Amino acid sequence: MEEILAKAAKYINQAIEITRLFDDENLSSLAVFYAHLAQIYEKQGYLDNALQSFNQALTIGIKFFGKHHAIIARIYNSIGMFYKDQGKLEQAAKYVNRALKINIQLYSKAHPYVANLYNDLWMVYKEQGNLEEATDHLNQALKINLKLYGNNYPFVAVIYNNLGEIYKVQGKLEKAAESFSQSIQIGSQLFGKNHLTLATDYNNLGGLYMEKGDLKQASKYIKKAFKINSKLDGENHTLKASLYNNLGQLYQAQGKLKQAANYTHQALEIDLKLHDENHPKVAAYYCNLGKIYLEQEKLEEAAKYAKQATAIDVRLYGDNHFALAADYNNLGQIYHKQGDLDQAGNFAKKSLKINIKLYGENSYQAAINYNNLGTIYLSKEELGYAAKYIEKALAINLKLFSENHPETAKCFSNLGQIYKARGDLGKAIEYTEKTLRIDIGLYSENHPEVADDYYILSRVYQEQGNLAMAAKHAHQGLQIDIRHYSENHSIVAKDYNHLGMIYQEQGDLEKAVDYTKKALRSSIATNGIHHPEVATINSNLQKLKSLFPTSEVKTTPLLKRQGKSTGRKTSS
């Protein structure tokens, strides 16, 4: 591809040199040549050269055609989309609107050129976070195309796909599914079942089913898209990057975090080659990597990627954009996990403020913020505020999704923890068992979310004094976590440590020692010798030694040499 672009640039430059040999009357064609050259330079990544060529095209074009000419409209639109691709959205909107104004004057509103510009503007407004303008411009484009061509027309399929994207961002998931399905139906009739247009539609529909919590359907459509896209020439293609990203999110939802990180890194690598770092897609992939590493409890890596995403998005959009809301939410969760509850609360509130402004107080985006704020107040032991925010989130999610949805399950789980903190253990068990039933229905038995439910249930039964049930659920969670994370993972270490404490309470000191040793080995392998978690687990082991001096409890030699006496997943 690079060789083809280099040849194209060479031949257009030769055409420009030849044209300049003639008198001024023939120079008008230079405007078109420079516009084409600019687009080639952009694809090559020579952005300064591209902008210079666009400006030359515009200057020559206005000189020969005046300001209100179809060629000038085309150049304005090309410059606008150039700025959009660089993330300079105000400039993009300015130039595309100039093109739209000229074409409406030249052709009237019901013209294909006008419809195309409405479609281009929706992309700009969507990335600005101006969702009402985006939806309005898309519907204008759809109205014109339906009038001109009827339903079975390629661009109508594109518009339905774009409407699906905007409805998804707005949280209108049923409307989004309807629009994506219409796009697929038209595309299948026009192109057959193995066309790249269908790959884009299937990819988007798969992403939508992930939002709805239906991972089987999500997997089905993403794999369909991947199968079609595998026939695409070349590795560095924006659709391939999007597919890798969606596969990463699918594996994350399935609890396969290593695969999730791997696919998201592949998506990032492709788009870094296609764009520079200050690009919306690059920021989105950094944000997704932050979420994956947060779930893996690799908090330094999580914070690094979350901050990179935030820095790019602030440069691109300022402070009121849905991408910033996702970044701030992500940072809030990382600070929460790190124990910095004030910072966690600050970022959660920043995210909530943006989402309320963009989507309203009863949107699913706001519900996620309310739930996260509730967990922060739970960690602060401010149970009144915790219950207020989580109940607000639950009411929104029940209205939007019904009970069988991941976000609803999280609310039930968090309410269970509030009841546990209040000492109402019967209610705590009721809500946690409800969460468990939903998660098993969504994910199957062998999923980290289900393991987390078992762990929380175990803790409640332990506090209730029902140690047999506590041990049973702790073992169920442990087996799932070992399958997903292997023995050497901080979550597995916490499972082992928790079981050690249960057996200690039961008076079975040999098993208590055995599981606490396993916890210590796993934590050292995962975190290194100086980690606070290692110190906590080793401290538990020393206490067991004092209770059972005849056992073979020994300080781990590595810890002994260091002269140190040194700790499940923090539920959100």
Protein backbone atom coordinates (compact mmCIF):
# COMPACT_ATOMS: atom_id res chain seq x y z
CA MET A 1 0.00 0.00 0.00
CA GLU A 2 2.83 2.42 0.87
CA GLU A 3 4.43 1.78 -2.52
CA ILE A 4 1.13 2.47 -4.32
CA LEU A 5 0.63 5.74 -2.42
CA ALA A 6 4.19 6.86 -3.18
CA LYS A 7 3.63 6.23 -6.91
CA ALA A 8 0.30 8.09 -6.81
CA ALA A 9 1.93 11.12 -5.15
CA LYS A 10 4.76 11.03 -7.70
CA TYR A 11 2.38 11.02 -10.70
CA ILE A 12 0.16 13.79 -9.31
CA ASN A 13 3.22 15.96 -8.63
CA GLN A 14 4.29 15.37 -12.24
CA ALA A 15 0.80 16.39 -13.42
CA ILE A 16 1.07 19.58 -11.34
CA GLU A 17 4.48 20.42 -12.86
CA ILE A 18 3.19 19.87 -16.42
CA THR A 19 0.02 21.92 -15.80
CA ARG A 20 2.08 24.84 -14.47
CA LEU A 21 3.81 25.04 -17.89
CA PHE A 22 0.55 26.25 -19.47
CA ASP A 23 -1.06 29.66 -19.15
CA ASP A 24 -3.32 30.69 -16.30
CA GLU A 25 -6.51 29.53 -18.02
CA ASN A 26 -5.50 25.90 -17.48
CA LEU A 27 -4.40 26.34 -13.89
CA SER A 28 -7.93 25.73 -12.55
CA SER A 29 -7.31 21.96 -12.73
CA LEU A 30 -4.51 22.46 -10.18
CA ALA A 31 -7.13 22.85 -7.45
CA VAL A 32 -8.33 19.30 -8.07
CA PHE A 33 -4.77 17.94 -8.32
CA TYR A 34 -3.74 19.54 -5.02
CA ALA A 35 -6.87 18.21 -3.30
CA HIS A 36 -6.07 14.66 -4.47
CA LEU A 37 -2.43 15.08 -3.46
CA ALA A 38 -3.50 16.23 0.02
CA GLN A 39 -5.58 13.08 0.51
CA ILE A 40 -2.63 10.91 -0.51
CA TYR A 41 -0.30 12.74 1.88
CA GLU A 42 -2.84 12.23 4.67
CA LYS A 43 -2.94 8.47 4.03
CA GLN A 44 0.87 8.44 4.05
CA GLY A 45 0.86 10.24 7.39
CA TYR A 46 2.49 13.43 6.01
CA LEU A 47 -0.01 15.70 7.73
CA ASP A 48 1.78 19.03 7.27
CA ASN A 49 2.15 18.34 3.54
CA ALA A 50 -1.51 17.33 3.37
CA LEU A 51 -2.72 20.55 5.00
CA GLN A 52 -0.45 22.65 2.79
CA SER A 53 -1.83 20.94 -0.34
CA PHE A 54 -5.44 21.40 0.82
CA ASN A 55 -4.81 25.12 1.33
CA GLN A 56 -3.22 25.40 -2.11
CA ALA A 57 -6.24 23.65 -3.61
CA LEU A 58 -8.59 26.04 -1.81
CA THR A 59 -6.68 29.21 -2.78
CA ILE A 60 -6.50 28.24 -6.47
CA GLY A 61 -10.11 27.00 -6.49
CA ILE A 62 -11.56 30.21 -5.02
CA LYS A 63 -9.48 32.28 -7.47
CA PHE A 64 -10.86 30.46 -10.53
CA PHE A 65 -14.34 29.33 -9.44
CA GLY A 66 -15.38 31.79 -6.74
CA LYS A 67 -16.53 30.83 -3.25
CA HIS A 68 -19.84 29.17 -4.22
CA HIS A 69 -18.86 26.30 -6.49
CA ALA A 70 -19.19 22.51 -6.22
CA ILE A 71 -15.40 22.04 -6.32
CA ILE A 72 -14.96 24.49 -3.42
CA ALA A 73 -17.61 22.58 -1.44
CA ARG A 74 -15.71 19.35 -2.09
CA ILE A 75 -12.42 20.90 -0.92
CA TYR A 76 -14.07 22.32 2.22
CA ASN A 77 -15.49 18.88 3.02
CA SER A 78 -12.12 17.19 2.45
CA ILE A 79 -10.43 19.68 4.79
CA GLY A 80 -13.19 19.13 7.36
CA MET A 81 -12.75 15.35 7.31
CA PHE A 82 -8.97 15.82 7.49
CA TYR A 83 -9.43 17.82 10.71
CA LYS A 84 -11.89 15.21 12.02
CA ASP A 85 -9.32 12.46 11.52
CA GLN A 86 -6.81 14.55 13.51
CA GLY A 87 -9.38 15.00 16.30
CA LYS A 88 -9.70 18.78 15.65
CA LEU A 89 -13.47 18.71 15.75
CA GLU A 90 -14.36 22.42 15.87
CA GLN A 91 -12.33 23.00 12.71
CA ALA A 92 -13.90 19.91 11.16
CA ALA A 93 -17.47 21.12 11.85
CA LYS A 94 -16.63 24.59 10.49
CA TYR A 95 -15.39 23.32 7.11
CA VAL A 96 -18.05 20.64 6.57
CA ASN A 97 -20.79 23.16 7.40
CA ARG A 98 -19.30 25.53 4.80
CA ALA A 99 -19.51 22.71 2.25
CA LEU A 100 -23.11 21.97 3.27
CA LYS A 101 -24.16 25.61 2.91
CA ILE A 102 -22.73 25.80 -0.65
CA ASN A 103 -24.36 22.52 -1.76
CA ILE A 104 -27.79 23.49 -0.39
CA GLN A 105 -27.54 26.76 -2.39
CA LEU A 106 -26.46 24.87 -5.52
CA TYR A 107 -28.69 21.80 -5.44
CA SER A 108 -31.53 22.21 -2.88
CA LYS A 109 -31.82 20.05 0.23
CA ALA A 110 -32.96 16.82 -1.45
CA HIS A 111 -29.70 16.00 -3.24
CA PRO A 112 -27.15 13.17 -2.75
CA TYR A 113 -24.28 15.63 -2.14
CA VAL A 114 -26.28 17.26 0.66
CA ALA A 115 -27.12 13.86 2.17
CA ASN A 116 -23.43 12.90 2.15
CA LEU A 117 -22.51 16.06 4.03
CA TYR A 118 -25.23 15.48 6.64
CA ASN A 119 -23.70 12.03 7.16
CA ASP A 120 -20.19 13.48 7.49
CA LEU A 121 -21.40 16.04 10.02
CA TRP A 122 -22.99 13.36 12.20
CA MET A 123 -19.54 11.81 12.67
CA VAL A 124 -18.07 15.13 13.75
CA TYR A 125 -20.93 15.92 16.14
CA LYS A 126 -20.83 12.40 17.60
CA GLU A 127 -17.14 12.73 18.42
CA GLN A 128 -17.80 16.16 19.93
CA GLY A 129 -20.38 14.54 22.22
CA ASN A 130 -23.16 16.62 20.62
CA LEU A 131 -25.50 13.66 20.25
CA GLU A 132 -28.70 15.56 19.46
CA GLU A 133 -27.06 17.32 16.48
CA ALA A 134 -25.53 14.01 15.39
CA THR A 135 -28.91 12.23 15.43
CA ASP A 136 -30.63 15.13 13.66
CA HIS A 137 -28.08 15.20 10.82
CA LEU A 138 -28.25 11.43 10.37
CA ASN A 139 -32.03 11.47 10.13
CA GLN A 140 -31.76 14.29 7.54
CA ALA A 141 -29.39 12.11 5.50
CA LEU A 142 -31.72 9.10 5.83
CA LYS A 143 -34.79 11.12 4.78
CA ILE A 144 -33.07 12.38 1.59
CA ASN A 145 -31.75 8.94 0.60
CA LEU A 146 -35.07 7.17 1.20
CA LYS A 147 -36.77 9.80 -0.97
CA LEU A 148 -34.19 9.48 -3.76
CA TYR A 149 -33.46 5.74 -3.78
CA GLY A 150 -35.85 3.81 -1.56
CA ASN A 151 -34.83 1.36 1.16
CA ASN A 152 -32.55 -1.01 -0.78
CA TYR A 153 -29.66 1.32 -1.44
CA PRO A 154 -26.07 1.03 -0.12
CA PHE A 155 -25.93 4.45 1.52
CA VAL A 156 -29.25 3.81 3.29
CA ALA A 157 -27.61 0.76 4.88
CA VAL A 158 -24.65 2.93 5.96
CA ILE A 159 -26.98 5.48 7.56
CA TYR A 160 -28.90 2.79 9.46
CA ASN A 161 -25.57 1.48 10.75
CA ASN A 162 -24.56 4.98 11.83
CA LEU A 163 -27.93 5.50 13.55
CA GLY A 164 -27.30 2.25 15.41
CA GLU A 165 -23.99 3.62 16.65
CA ILE A 166 -25.50 6.86 17.92
CA TYR A 167 -28.44 5.11 19.61
CA LYS A 168 -25.96 2.79 21.31
CA VAL A 169 -23.97 5.72 22.70
CA GLN A 170 -27.25 7.28 23.91
CA GLY A 171 -28.16 4.04 25.70
CA LYS A 172 -31.18 3.43 23.39
CA LEU A 173 -30.17 -0.19 22.88
CA GLU A 174 -33.38 -1.52 21.31
CA LYS A 175 -33.39 1.28 18.72
CA ALA A 176 -29.71 0.57 18.09
CA ALA A 177 -30.36 -3.14 17.53
CA GLU A 178 -33.21 -2.31 15.13
CA SER A 179 -30.99 0.06 13.11
CA PHE A 180 -28.05 -2.38 12.91
CA SER A 181 -30.42 -5.17 11.84
CA GLN A 182 -31.90 -2.98 9.08
CA SER A 183 -28.39 -2.23 7.83
CA ILE A 184 -27.53 -5.95 7.78
CA GLN A 185 -30.76 -6.83 5.96
CA ILE A 186 -30.12 -4.25 3.21
CA GLY A 187 -26.42 -5.15 2.95
CA SER A 188 -27.17 -8.88 2.62
CA GLN A 189 -29.63 -8.23 -0.22
CA LEU A 190 -27.26 -5.89 -2.06
CA PHE A 191 -23.85 -7.51 -1.54
CA GLY A 192 -24.39 -11.09 -0.40
CA LYS A 193 -23.20 -12.51 2.90
CA ASN A 194 -19.43 -12.04 2.55
CA HIS A 195 -18.94 -8.31 2.09
CA LEU A 196 -16.89 -5.95 4.26
CA THR A 197 -19.94 -3.76 4.81
CA LEU A 198 -21.52 -6.75 6.54
CA ALA A 199 -18.36 -7.20 8.64
CA THR A 200 -18.74 -3.66 10.00
CA ASP A 201 -22.43 -4.23 10.74
CA TYR A 202 -21.83 -7.57 12.47
CA ASN A 203 -18.99 -6.04 14.50
CA ASN A 204 -21.25 -3.22 15.66
CA LEU A 205 -24.11 -5.58 16.47
CA GLY A 206 -21.73 -7.75 18.47
CA GLY A 207 -20.61 -4.71 20.45
CA LEU A 208 -24.25 -3.85 21.11
CA TYR A 209 -25.01 -7.32 22.49
CA MET A 210 -22.04 -6.90 24.84
CA GLU A 211 -23.69 -3.72 26.15
CA LYS A 212 -26.89 -5.73 26.69
CA GLY A 213 -24.96 -8.44 28.55
CA ASP A 214 -25.78 -11.14 25.96
CA LEU A 215 -22.29 -12.58 25.45
CA LYS A 216 -23.40 -15.56 23.34
CA GLN A 217 -24.96 -13.29 20.72
CA ALA A 218 -22.02 -10.88 21.00
CA SER A 219 -19.56 -13.70 20.32
CA LYS A 220 -21.64 -14.97 17.39
CA TYR A 221 -21.70 -11.63 15.56
CA ILE A 222 -18.09 -10.60 16.29
CA LYS A 223 -16.86 -13.96 14.99
CA LYS A 224 -18.99 -13.53 11.85
CA ALA A 225 -17.38 -10.13 11.31
CA PHE A 226 -13.91 -11.53 11.92
CA LYS A 227 -14.46 -14.35 9.41
CA ILE A 228 -15.42 -11.87 6.68
CA ASN A 229 -12.64 -9.44 7.59
CA SER A 230 -9.97 -12.18 7.48
CA LYS A 231 -10.22 -11.89 3.69
CA LEU A 232 -9.21 -8.22 3.82
CA ASP A 233 -5.85 -7.43 2.22
CA GLY A 234 -3.23 -6.16 4.65
CA GLU A 235 -3.00 -6.14 8.42
CA ASN A 236 -3.20 -2.40 9.14
CA HIS A 237 -6.83 -1.57 8.57
CA THR A 238 -9.12 0.40 10.84
CA LEU A 239 -11.89 -2.24 10.71
CA LYS A 240 -9.42 -4.91 11.76
CA ALA A 241 -8.37 -2.72 14.70
CA SER A 242 -12.02 -2.28 15.69
CA LEU A 243 -12.58 -6.04 15.51
CA TYR A 244 -9.54 -6.73 17.68
CA ASN A 245 -10.83 -4.19 20.18
CA ASN A 246 -14.29 -5.78 20.29
CA LEU A 247 -12.73 -9.23 20.67
CA GLY A 248 -10.71 -7.82 23.56
CA GLN A 249 -13.87 -6.50 25.21
CA LEU A 250 -15.64 -9.81 24.63
CA TYR A 251 -12.81 -11.76 26.26
CA GLN A 252 -12.79 -9.26 29.13
CA ALA A 253 -16.53 -9.81 29.66
CA GLN A 254 -15.88 -13.57 29.61
CA GLY A 255 -13.14 -13.15 32.24
CA LYS A 256 -10.31 -14.12 29.85
CA LEU A 257 -8.17 -11.13 30.70
CA LYS A 258 -4.85 -12.16 29.11
CA GLN A 259 -6.57 -12.64 25.75
CA ALA A 260 -8.46 -9.38 26.29
CA ALA A 261 -5.23 -7.44 26.81
CA ASN A 262 -3.57 -9.15 23.85
CA TYR A 263 -6.32 -8.25 21.36
CA THR A 264 -6.63 -4.69 22.67
CA HIS A 265 -2.86 -4.18 22.29
CA GLN A 266 -3.15 -5.44 18.68
CA ALA A 267 -5.92 -2.91 18.02
CA LEU A 268 -3.78 -0.16 19.54
CA GLU A 269 -0.74 -1.16 17.47
CA ILE A 270 -2.71 -0.96 14.21
CA ASP A 271 -4.24 2.44 14.95
CA LEU A 272 -0.94 3.92 16.13
CA LYS A 273 0.39 3.07 12.65
CA LEU A 274 -2.66 4.58 10.95
CA HIS A 275 -2.87 7.73 13.12
CA ASP A 276 -0.67 9.59 15.54
CA GLU A 277 -1.18 9.22 19.30
CA ASN A 278 -3.58 12.17 19.60
CA HIS A 279 -6.48 10.33 18.02
CA PRO A 280 -9.87 9.32 19.48
CA LYS A 281 -9.42 5.61 18.72
CA VAL A 282 -5.99 5.52 20.33
CA ALA A 283 -7.45 7.14 23.44
CA ALA A 284 -10.32 4.61 23.47
CA TYR A 285 -7.90 1.68 23.32
CA TYR A 286 -5.79 3.16 26.14
CA CYS A 287 -8.99 3.51 28.19
CA ASN A 288 -9.95 -0.12 27.51
CA LEU A 289 -6.46 -1.33 28.47
CA GLY A 290 -6.79 0.59 31.73
CA LYS A 291 -10.03 -1.28 32.48
CA ILE A 292 -8.49 -4.66 31.68
CA TYR A 293 -5.42 -4.06 33.86
CA LEU A 294 -7.68 -2.79 36.65
CA GLU A 295 -9.58 -6.07 36.53
CA GLN A 296 -6.27 -7.94 36.62
CA GLU A 297 -5.35 -5.80 39.67
CA LYS A 298 -2.27 -4.49 37.88
CA LEU A 299 -2.97 -1.02 39.22
CA GLU A 300 0.17 0.78 38.05
CA GLU A 301 -0.42 -0.39 34.47
CA ALA A 302 -4.11 0.48 34.78
CA ALA A 303 -3.36 4.01 35.99
CA LYS A 304 -0.73 4.54 33.27
CA TYR A 305 -3.13 3.72 30.41
CA ALA A 306 -6.09 5.52 32.01
CA LYS A 307 -4.04 8.71 32.36
CA GLN A 308 -2.80 8.45 28.75
CA ALA A 309 -6.40 8.15 27.55
CA THR A 310 -7.49 11.10 29.68
CA ALA A 311 -4.65 13.34 28.48
CA ILE A 312 -5.48 12.67 24.80
CA ASP A 313 -9.22 13.18 25.28
CA VAL A 314 -8.76 16.46 27.18
CA ARG A 315 -6.59 17.74 24.30
CA LEU A 316 -9.14 16.61 21.72
CA TYR A 317 -12.42 17.57 23.36
CA GLY A 318 -12.02 19.81 26.38
CA ASP A 319 -13.94 18.84 29.51
CA ASN A 320 -17.46 17.84 28.37
CA HIS A 321 -17.40 14.73 26.23
CA PHE A 322 -18.54 11.14 26.68
CA ALA A 323 -14.96 9.91 26.21
CA LEU A 324 -13.88 12.05 29.19
CA ALA A 325 -16.75 10.63 31.25
CA ALA A 326 -15.43 7.11 30.57
CA ASP A 327 -11.87 8.18 31.40
CA TYR A 328 -12.87 9.83 34.69
CA ASN A 329 -14.97 6.82 35.66
CA ASN A 330 -12.02 4.55 34.92
CA LEU A 331 -9.64 6.69 37.00
CA GLY A 332 -12.16 6.76 39.85
CA GLN A 333 -12.25 2.96 39.95
CA ILE A 334 -8.45 2.76 39.94
CA TYR A 335 -8.13 5.24 42.83
CA HIS A 336 -10.84 3.29 44.67
CA LYS A 337 -8.86 0.07 44.28
CA GLN A 338 -5.71 1.90 45.44
CA GLY A 339 -7.55 3.07 48.56
CA ASP A 340 -7.54 6.79 47.69
CA LEU A 341 -11.26 7.26 48.31
CA ASP A 342 -11.33 11.05 48.09
CA GLN A 343 -9.76 11.03 44.61
CA ALA A 344 -12.03 8.13 43.63
CA GLY A 345 -15.09 10.15 44.64
CA ASN A 346 -13.87 13.27 42.81
CA PHE A 347 -13.42 11.44 39.51
CA ALA A 348 -16.70 9.51 39.87
CA LYS A 349 -18.55 12.82 40.36
CA LYS A 350 -16.77 14.40 37.36
CA SER A 351 -17.89 11.48 35.22
CA LEU A 352 -21.46 11.68 36.55
CA LYS A 353 -21.67 15.42 35.84
CA ILE A 354 -20.70 14.92 32.18
CA ASN A 355 -23.06 11.97 31.70
CA ILE A 356 -26.04 13.80 33.20
CA LYS A 357 -25.34 16.76 30.90
CA LEU A 358 -25.05 14.53 27.82
CA TYR A 359 -27.62 11.80 28.48
CA GLY A 360 -29.82 12.83 31.39
CA GLU A 361 -30.17 11.68 34.98
CA ASN A 362 -31.96 8.43 34.12
CA SER A 363 -29.50 7.11 31.53
CA TYR A 364 -27.58 3.88 31.88
CA GLN A 365 -24.34 5.89 31.80
CA ALA A 366 -25.48 7.84 34.87
CA ALA A 367 -26.57 4.56 36.51
CA ILE A 368 -22.99 3.23 36.22
CA ASN A 369 -21.73 6.40 37.94
CA TYR A 370 -24.34 6.17 40.71
CA ASN A 371 -23.40 2.55 41.38
CA ASN A 372 -19.69 3.35 41.48
CA LEU A 373 -20.28 6.33 43.80
CA GLY A 374 -22.26 4.02 46.05
CA THR A 375 -19.35 1.59 46.32
CA ILE A 376 -16.98 4.44 47.20
CA TYR A 377 -19.29 5.56 50.02
CA LEU A 378 -19.55 1.92 51.11
CA SER A 379 -15.76 1.80 51.40
CA LYS A 380 -15.92 5.04 53.41
CA GLU A 381 -18.54 3.32 55.65
CA GLU A 382 -21.03 6.10 54.85
CA LEU A 383 -23.86 3.61 54.39
CA GLY A 384 -26.71 6.10 53.95
CA TYR A 385 -25.06 7.71 50.91
CA ALA A 386 -24.00 4.29 49.63
CA ALA A 387 -27.58 2.97 49.71
CA LYS A 388 -28.97 6.18 48.15
CA TYR A 389 -26.71 6.02 45.09
CA ILE A 390 -26.90 2.24 44.56
CA GLU A 391 -30.71 2.20 44.86
CA LYS A 392 -30.86 5.04 42.31
CA ALA A 393 -28.66 3.00 39.94
CA LEU A 394 -30.80 -0.11 40.48
CA ALA A 395 -34.05 1.73 39.69
CA ILE A 396 -32.60 3.03 36.39
CA ASN A 397 -31.21 -0.37 35.39
CA LEU A 398 -34.45 -2.22 36.18
CA LYS A 399 -36.34 0.29 34.02
CA LEU A 400 -33.87 0.03 31.13
CA PHE A 401 -32.80 -3.62 31.21
CA SER A 402 -34.87 -5.77 33.64
CA GLU A 403 -33.21 -7.96 36.27
CA ASN A 404 -31.10 -10.11 33.95
CA HIS A 405 -28.35 -7.65 33.09
CA PRO A 406 -24.76 -7.27 34.37
CA GLU A 407 -25.33 -3.73 35.70
CA THR A 408 -28.47 -4.81 37.58
CA ALA A 409 -26.54 -7.73 39.08
CA LYS A 410 -23.81 -5.35 40.29
CA CYS A 411 -26.43 -3.21 42.05
CA PHE A 412 -27.95 -6.23 43.82
CA SER A 413 -24.47 -7.34 44.90
CA ASN A 414 -23.59 -3.92 46.27
CA LEU A 415 -26.90 -3.66 48.14
CA GLY A 416 -26.08 -7.04 49.68
CA GLN A 417 -22.80 -5.62 50.95
CA ILE A 418 -24.58 -2.62 52.45
CA TYR A 419 -26.90 -4.98 54.36
CA LYS A 420 -23.85 -6.95 55.50
CA ALA A 421 -22.22 -3.76 56.75
CA ARG A 422 -25.44 -2.93 58.64
CA GLY A 423 -25.47 -6.39 60.22
CA ASP A 424 -28.60 -7.58 58.36
CA LEU A 425 -27.01 -10.83 57.19
CA GLY A 426 -30.25 -12.46 56.02
CA LYS A 427 -30.86 -9.61 53.56
CA ALA A 428 -27.20 -9.68 52.55
CA ILE A 429 -27.50 -13.37 51.63
CA GLU A 430 -30.80 -12.76 49.78
CA TYR A 431 -29.31 -10.05 47.54
CA THR A 432 -26.03 -11.88 46.94
CA GLU A 433 -27.83 -15.10 45.97
CA LYS A 434 -30.00 -13.06 43.57
CA THR A 435 -26.77 -11.68 42.04
CA LEU A 436 -25.36 -15.20 41.76
CA ARG A 437 -28.46 -16.47 39.89
CA ILE A 438 -28.30 -13.57 37.42
CA ASP A 439 -24.56 -13.98 36.79
CA ILE A 440 -24.82 -17.74 36.25
CA GLY A 441 -27.61 -17.08 33.73
CA LEU A 442 -25.51 -14.46 31.95
CA TYR A 443 -22.07 -16.07 32.01
CA SER A 444 -22.32 -19.76 33.05
CA GLU A 445 -20.84 -21.24 36.24
CA ASN A 446 -17.18 -20.77 35.31
CA HIS A 447 -16.81 -16.99 35.21
CA PRO A 448 -14.89 -14.58 37.49
CA GLU A 449 -18.11 -12.65 38.26
CA VAL A 450 -19.63 -15.89 39.56
CA ALA A 451 -16.45 -16.58 41.56
CA ASP A 452 -16.75 -13.13 43.10
CA ASP A 453 -20.38 -13.86 44.05
CA TYR A 454 -19.30 -17.08 45.76
CA TYR A 455 -16.56 -15.21 47.63
CA ILE A 456 -18.99 -12.54 48.87
CA LEU A 457 -21.52 -15.23 49.92
CA SER A 458 -18.73 -17.02 51.76
CA ARG A 459 -17.85 -13.85 53.68
CA VAL A 460 -21.48 -13.32 54.72
CA TYR A 461 -21.87 -16.94 55.90
CA GLN A 462 -18.56 -16.63 57.77
CA GLU A 463 -19.85 -13.56 59.59
CA GLN A 464 -23.11 -15.42 60.30
CA GLY A 465 -21.10 -18.24 61.89
CA ASN A 466 -22.18 -20.80 59.27
CA LEU A 467 -18.63 -21.95 58.55
CA ALA A 468 -19.59 -25.06 56.54
CA MET A 469 -21.45 -22.91 53.98
CA ALA A 470 -18.64 -20.34 54.09
CA ALA A 471 -16.06 -23.02 53.21
CA LYS A 472 -18.29 -24.53 50.50
CA HIS A 473 -18.73 -21.21 48.65
CA ALA A 474 -15.09 -20.22 49.15
CA HIS A 475 -13.99 -23.48 47.46
CA GLN A 476 -16.43 -22.89 44.58
CA GLY A 477 -14.98 -19.43 43.99
CA LEU A 478 -11.39 -20.70 44.32
CA GLN A 479 -11.82 -23.40 41.66
CA ILE A 480 -13.20 -20.90 39.14
CA ASP A 481 -10.42 -18.38 39.86
CA ILE A 482 -7.65 -20.98 39.49
CA ARG A 483 -9.06 -21.96 36.08
CA HIS A 484 -9.07 -18.33 34.96
CA TYR A 485 -5.99 -16.86 36.59
CA SER A 486 -3.72 -19.83 37.47
CA GLU A 487 -2.27 -20.37 40.97
CA ASN A 488 -0.08 -17.28 40.90
CA HIS A 489 -2.55 -14.41 41.00
CA SER A 490 -3.51 -11.96 43.73
CA ILE A 491 -7.18 -12.99 43.56
CA VAL A 492 -6.27 -16.66 44.04
CA ALA A 493 -3.96 -15.67 46.92
CA LYS A 494 -6.88 -13.93 48.62
CA ASP A 495 -9.10 -16.98 48.06
CA TYR A 496 -6.50 -19.19 49.75
CA ASN A 497 -6.03 -16.73 52.61
CA HIS A 498 -9.79 -16.51 53.13
CA LEU A 499 -10.08 -20.31 53.29
CA GLY A 500 -7.22 -20.38 55.79
CA MET A 501 -9.17 -18.02 58.08
CA ILE A 502 -12.37 -20.11 57.76
CA TYR A 503 -10.51 -23.30 58.73
CA GLN A 504 -8.87 -21.45 61.61
CA GLU A 505 -12.34 -20.51 62.91
CA GLN A 506 -13.43 -24.15 62.52
CA GLY A 507 -10.44 -25.21 64.60
CA ASP A 508 -8.87 -27.16 61.73
CA LEU A 509 -5.41 -25.64 62.11
CA GLU A 510 -3.65 -28.04 59.73
CA LYS A 511 -5.91 -26.97 56.84
CA ALA A 512 -5.63 -23.36 57.97
CA VAL A 513 -1.83 -23.57 57.77
CA ASP A 514 -1.95 -25.38 54.41
CA TYR A 515 -4.17 -22.76 52.72
CA THR A 516 -2.34 -19.81 54.27
CA LYS A 517 0.98 -21.19 52.97
CA LYS A 518 -0.57 -21.52 49.50
CA ALA A 519 -1.78 -17.93 49.77
CA LEU A 520 1.72 -16.75 50.73
CA ARG A 521 3.42 -18.61 47.86
CA SER A 522 0.88 -17.29 45.35
CA SER A 523 1.17 -13.72 46.63
CA ILE A 524 5.00 -13.70 46.58
CA ALA A 525 5.01 -15.10 43.02
CA THR A 526 2.48 -12.48 41.93
CA ASN A 527 3.50 -9.37 43.85
CA GLY A 528 7.09 -9.82 44.98
CA ILE A 529 8.44 -9.98 48.51
CA HIS A 530 7.80 -6.38 49.61
CA HIS A 531 4.10 -6.12 48.77
CA PRO A 532 1.63 -5.23 51.59
CA GLU A 533 -0.51 -8.26 50.70
CA VAL A 534 2.48 -10.53 51.32
CA ALA A 535 3.02 -8.89 54.70
CA THR A 536 -0.61 -9.42 55.70
CA ILE A 537 -0.66 -13.09 54.70
CA ASN A 538 2.66 -13.78 56.42
CA SER A 539 1.30 -12.10 59.55
CA ASN A 540 -1.68 -14.49 59.44
CA LEU A 541 0.75 -17.41 59.14
CA GLN A 542 2.72 -16.26 62.20
CA LYS A 543 -0.50 -16.00 64.23
CA LEU A 544 -1.36 -19.56 63.22
CA LYS A 545 2.10 -20.66 64.32
CA SER A 546 1.50 -19.21 67.77
CA LEU A 547 -1.84 -21.04 67.99
CA PHE A 548 -0.41 -24.35 66.79
CA PRO A 549 3.26 -24.43 67.83
CA THR A 550 3.65 -28.16 67.20
CA SER A 551 2.73 -27.81 63.56
CA GLU A 552 5.30 -27.38 60.83
CA VAL A 553 4.52 -23.73 60.36
CA LYS A 554 7.71 -21.99 59.31
CA THR A 555 8.50 -18.54 58.15
CA THR A 556 9.17 -18.64 54.43
CA PRO A 557 13.00 -18.56 54.11
CA LEU A 558 12.81 -15.68 51.64
CA LEU A 559 10.90 -13.60 54.16
CA LYS A 560 13.23 -14.64 56.97
CA ARG A 561 16.29 -13.49 55.05
CA GLN A 562 14.65 -10.13 54.47
CA GLY A 563 13.90 -9.81 58.19
CA LYS A 564 10.30 -8.98 57.29
CA SER A 565 7.08 -9.94 58.98
CA THR A 566 4.64 -9.25 56.51
CA GLY A 567 -2.00 -9.53 52.38
CA ARG A 568 -10.10 -11.58 47.17
CA LYS A 569 -10.79 -9.04 45.15
CA THR A 570 -12.13 -5.82 46.64
CA SER A 571 -15.77 -6.03 45.81
CA SER A 572 -17.23 -3.07 44.08
